[in-house]
Amino acid sequence: MKEDKKTIKKLDEFIQKVDEMKKQDKMDLSSDQDLSIAIMNLVSIEEHFFFTGAKLGKTEYYDMLKEVREMRKSLLKKIIKEYEGEVWCISKHLLAASMRLMEVGTKQLGMGNNKEAYDLFDKAYNLYSLFWGVNMKLISAKDIKKIDEQAINKHDKEKKGFMGKLGELVKKAIDCCIE
């Protein structure tokens, strides 16, 4: 019960913090969101340079991979200013996994497998939301507790689970249509 109240309080504080930062123009989340998508694509480019170099046996692709990696690292620093432990690497992998799930979901959608596509899209968005939750210091591993399959606490009426709640917060905090 005490932990549930802490989590809810932390979510409320996060929303208030984001609202205050937006008002003071200290944070441009729509630009950061665009940047995170660019970083996802740079990770994919790194992967393609690796596989192309390996398949063709041409080391010049590895050299291009190195250049793209340096660009990706410098751009990731613009979003992840402070981190502890392996948060940097976790963040990179959350973005990369989210991007891959989006791509696989899009392929499934094109094949008419809508149910599978929608499930993959949900998973991709959950990972993307987790990226923002970790990097905006909204969550830490100790805050994630499972009550039942979909509830964040025993008072949860909507039962979207922690990832669903986090996704809702990300939707509210990041509005890419605000110029």
Protein backbone atom coordinates (compact mmCIF):
# COMPACT_ATOMS: atom_id res chain seq x y z
CA MET A 1 0.00 0.00 0.00
CA LYS A 2 2.80 2.38 0.97
CA GLU A 3 4.74 1.57 -2.22
CA ASP A 4 1.59 2.11 -4.34
CA LYS A 5 1.17 5.60 -2.89
CA LYS A 6 4.85 6.34 -3.52
CA THR A 7 4.54 5.31 -7.18
CA ILE A 8 1.39 7.37 -7.70
CA LYS A 9 2.99 10.35 -5.96
CA LYS A 10 6.07 10.00 -8.16
CA LEU A 11 3.92 9.91 -11.32
CA ASP A 12 2.04 13.03 -10.19
CA GLU A 13 5.32 14.80 -9.40
CA PHE A 14 6.63 13.85 -12.84
CA ILE A 15 3.61 15.34 -14.60
CA GLN A 16 3.94 18.53 -12.56
CA LYS A 17 7.67 18.72 -13.29
CA VAL A 18 7.13 18.32 -17.04
CA ASP A 19 4.39 20.96 -17.05
CA GLU A 20 6.63 23.42 -15.18
CA MET A 21 9.57 22.78 -17.48
CA LYS A 22 7.40 23.30 -20.56
CA LYS A 23 6.17 26.62 -19.19
CA GLN A 24 9.72 27.77 -18.52
CA ASP A 25 10.95 26.57 -21.94
CA LYS A 26 13.66 24.50 -20.26
CA MET A 27 12.63 21.42 -22.13
CA ASP A 28 11.74 20.83 -25.75
CA LEU A 29 10.40 17.30 -25.61
CA SER A 30 9.08 17.36 -29.15
CA SER A 31 12.61 18.02 -30.43
CA ASP A 32 13.98 15.35 -28.10
CA GLN A 33 11.38 12.93 -29.43
CA ASP A 34 12.45 13.69 -33.01
CA LEU A 35 16.06 13.26 -31.93
CA SER A 36 15.27 9.89 -30.32
CA ILE A 37 13.75 8.68 -33.60
CA ALA A 38 16.86 9.86 -35.47
CA ILE A 39 19.00 7.95 -32.98
CA MET A 40 16.90 4.82 -33.58
CA ASN A 41 17.63 5.13 -37.28
CA LEU A 42 21.34 5.67 -36.67
CA VAL A 43 21.46 2.43 -34.64
CA SER A 44 19.79 0.69 -37.58
CA ILE A 45 22.32 2.20 -39.98
CA GLU A 46 25.13 0.89 -37.77
CA GLU A 47 23.60 -2.58 -37.98
CA HIS A 48 23.25 -2.38 -41.76
CA PHE A 49 26.86 -1.26 -42.22
CA PHE A 50 27.98 -4.16 -40.03
CA PHE A 51 25.98 -6.80 -41.91
CA THR A 52 26.88 -5.37 -45.31
CA GLY A 53 30.56 -5.33 -44.39
CA ALA A 54 30.39 -8.89 -43.09
CA LYS A 55 28.39 -10.26 -46.02
CA LEU A 56 30.54 -8.60 -48.68
CA GLY A 57 33.84 -8.84 -46.81
CA LYS A 58 34.44 -5.11 -47.35
CA THR A 59 35.98 -3.29 -44.40
CA GLU A 60 35.06 0.15 -45.73
CA TYR A 61 31.54 -0.52 -44.41
CA TYR A 62 33.01 -0.95 -40.93
CA ASP A 63 34.71 2.42 -41.32
CA MET A 64 31.37 4.01 -42.16
CA LEU A 65 29.85 2.21 -39.17
CA LYS A 66 32.44 3.89 -36.96
CA GLU A 67 31.49 7.35 -38.27
CA VAL A 68 27.77 6.74 -37.77
CA ARG A 69 28.40 5.37 -34.26
CA GLU A 70 30.26 8.53 -33.27
CA MET A 71 27.38 10.64 -34.57
CA ARG A 72 24.85 8.49 -32.67
CA LYS A 73 26.84 8.78 -29.45
CA SER A 74 27.06 12.56 -29.67
CA LEU A 75 23.33 12.88 -30.35
CA LEU A 76 22.41 10.48 -27.54
CA LYS A 77 24.34 12.74 -25.16
CA LYS A 78 21.86 15.51 -25.97
CA ILE A 79 19.03 13.42 -24.48
CA ILE A 80 20.88 11.45 -21.82
CA LYS A 81 22.77 14.09 -19.89
CA GLU A 82 23.16 12.21 -16.61
CA TYR A 83 23.10 8.49 -16.08
CA GLU A 84 24.19 5.83 -13.66
CA GLY A 85 25.30 2.27 -14.14
CA GLU A 86 24.33 0.93 -17.52
CA VAL A 87 21.50 3.39 -18.22
CA TRP A 88 23.35 4.68 -21.30
CA CYS A 89 23.55 1.23 -22.86
CA ILE A 90 20.06 0.26 -21.69
CA SER A 91 18.73 3.42 -23.34
CA LYS A 92 20.41 2.65 -26.63
CA HIS A 93 19.02 -0.88 -26.62
CA LEU A 94 15.51 0.28 -25.66
CA LEU A 95 15.50 2.58 -28.68
CA ALA A 96 16.98 -0.07 -30.96
CA ALA A 97 14.49 -2.75 -29.85
CA SER A 98 11.59 -0.32 -30.19
CA MET A 99 12.65 0.52 -33.75
CA ARG A 100 13.02 -3.14 -34.72
CA LEU A 101 9.60 -4.02 -33.29
CA MET A 102 8.08 -1.14 -35.26
CA GLU A 103 9.70 -2.43 -38.44
CA VAL A 104 8.55 -6.02 -37.87
CA GLY A 105 5.08 -4.75 -36.97
CA THR A 106 4.93 -2.74 -40.18
CA LYS A 107 5.90 -5.83 -42.19
CA GLN A 108 3.21 -7.87 -40.41
CA LEU A 109 0.68 -5.15 -41.16
CA GLY A 110 1.65 -5.26 -44.84
CA MET A 111 1.09 -9.04 -44.86
CA GLY A 112 -2.38 -8.57 -43.40
CA ASN A 113 -1.46 -9.90 -39.96
CA ASN A 114 -3.06 -6.98 -38.15
CA LYS A 115 -3.39 -8.61 -34.72
CA GLU A 116 0.31 -9.54 -34.69
CA ALA A 117 1.25 -6.07 -35.97
CA TYR A 118 -0.77 -4.29 -33.29
CA ASP A 119 0.82 -6.44 -30.58
CA LEU A 120 4.29 -5.59 -31.90
CA PHE A 121 3.40 -1.89 -32.07
CA ASP A 122 2.22 -1.99 -28.43
CA LYS A 123 5.49 -3.62 -27.39
CA ALA A 124 7.50 -1.06 -29.37
CA TYR A 125 5.68 1.82 -27.71
CA ASN A 126 6.12 0.26 -24.28
CA LEU A 127 9.88 0.08 -24.81
CA TYR A 128 9.93 3.64 -26.12
CA SER A 129 7.97 4.80 -23.07
CA LEU A 130 10.37 2.92 -20.82
CA PHE A 131 13.25 4.79 -22.49
CA TRP A 132 11.65 8.12 -21.58
CA GLY A 133 10.66 6.94 -18.12
CA VAL A 134 14.24 5.95 -17.34
CA ASN A 135 15.82 9.04 -18.88
CA MET A 136 13.45 11.54 -17.33
CA LYS A 137 14.14 9.82 -14.01
CA LEU A 138 10.48 8.95 -13.66
CA ILE A 139 11.19 5.35 -12.80
CA SER A 140 13.86 3.16 -11.38
CA ALA A 141 13.92 -0.61 -11.15
CA LYS A 142 12.79 -0.56 -7.53
CA ASP A 143 9.58 1.27 -8.52
CA ILE A 144 8.37 -1.47 -10.82
CA LYS A 145 6.18 -3.92 -8.94
CA LYS A 146 3.54 -6.19 -10.36
CA ILE A 147 0.19 -6.33 -8.58
CA ASP A 148 -1.61 -8.51 -11.12
CA GLU A 149 -1.42 -8.97 -14.86
CA GLN A 150 -2.38 -5.40 -15.77
CA ALA A 151 -2.84 -3.33 -12.60
CA ILE A 152 -0.29 -0.82 -11.35
CA ASN A 153 -1.74 -1.02 -7.84
CA LYS A 154 -4.74 -2.55 -6.15
CA HIS A 155 -6.74 0.67 -6.65
CA ASP A 156 -6.13 0.71 -10.40
CA LYS A 157 -9.49 0.70 -12.20
CA GLU A 158 -8.23 0.85 -15.81
CA LYS A 159 -5.62 -1.90 -15.38
CA LYS A 160 -3.24 -0.86 -18.13
CA GLY A 161 -0.21 -1.97 -16.14
CA PHE A 162 2.89 0.04 -15.39
CA MET A 163 3.95 0.24 -19.03
CA GLY A 164 0.47 1.36 -20.07
CA LYS A 165 0.46 4.11 -17.43
CA LEU A 166 3.94 5.17 -18.46
CA GLY A 167 2.86 5.25 -22.09
CA GLU A 168 -0.05 7.53 -21.19
CA LEU A 169 2.34 9.88 -19.39
CA VAL A 170 4.68 9.97 -22.38
CA LYS A 171 1.72 10.83 -24.64
CA LYS A 172 0.82 13.73 -22.34
CA ALA A 173 4.40 14.95 -21.89
CA ILE A 174 5.58 14.67 -25.48
CA ASP A 175 3.40 16.36 -28.03
CA CYS A 176 5.28 16.32 -31.31
CA CYS A 177 2.71 18.58 -32.93
CA ILE A 178 3.58 21.59 -30.76
CA GLU A 179 5.86 23.91 -32.72
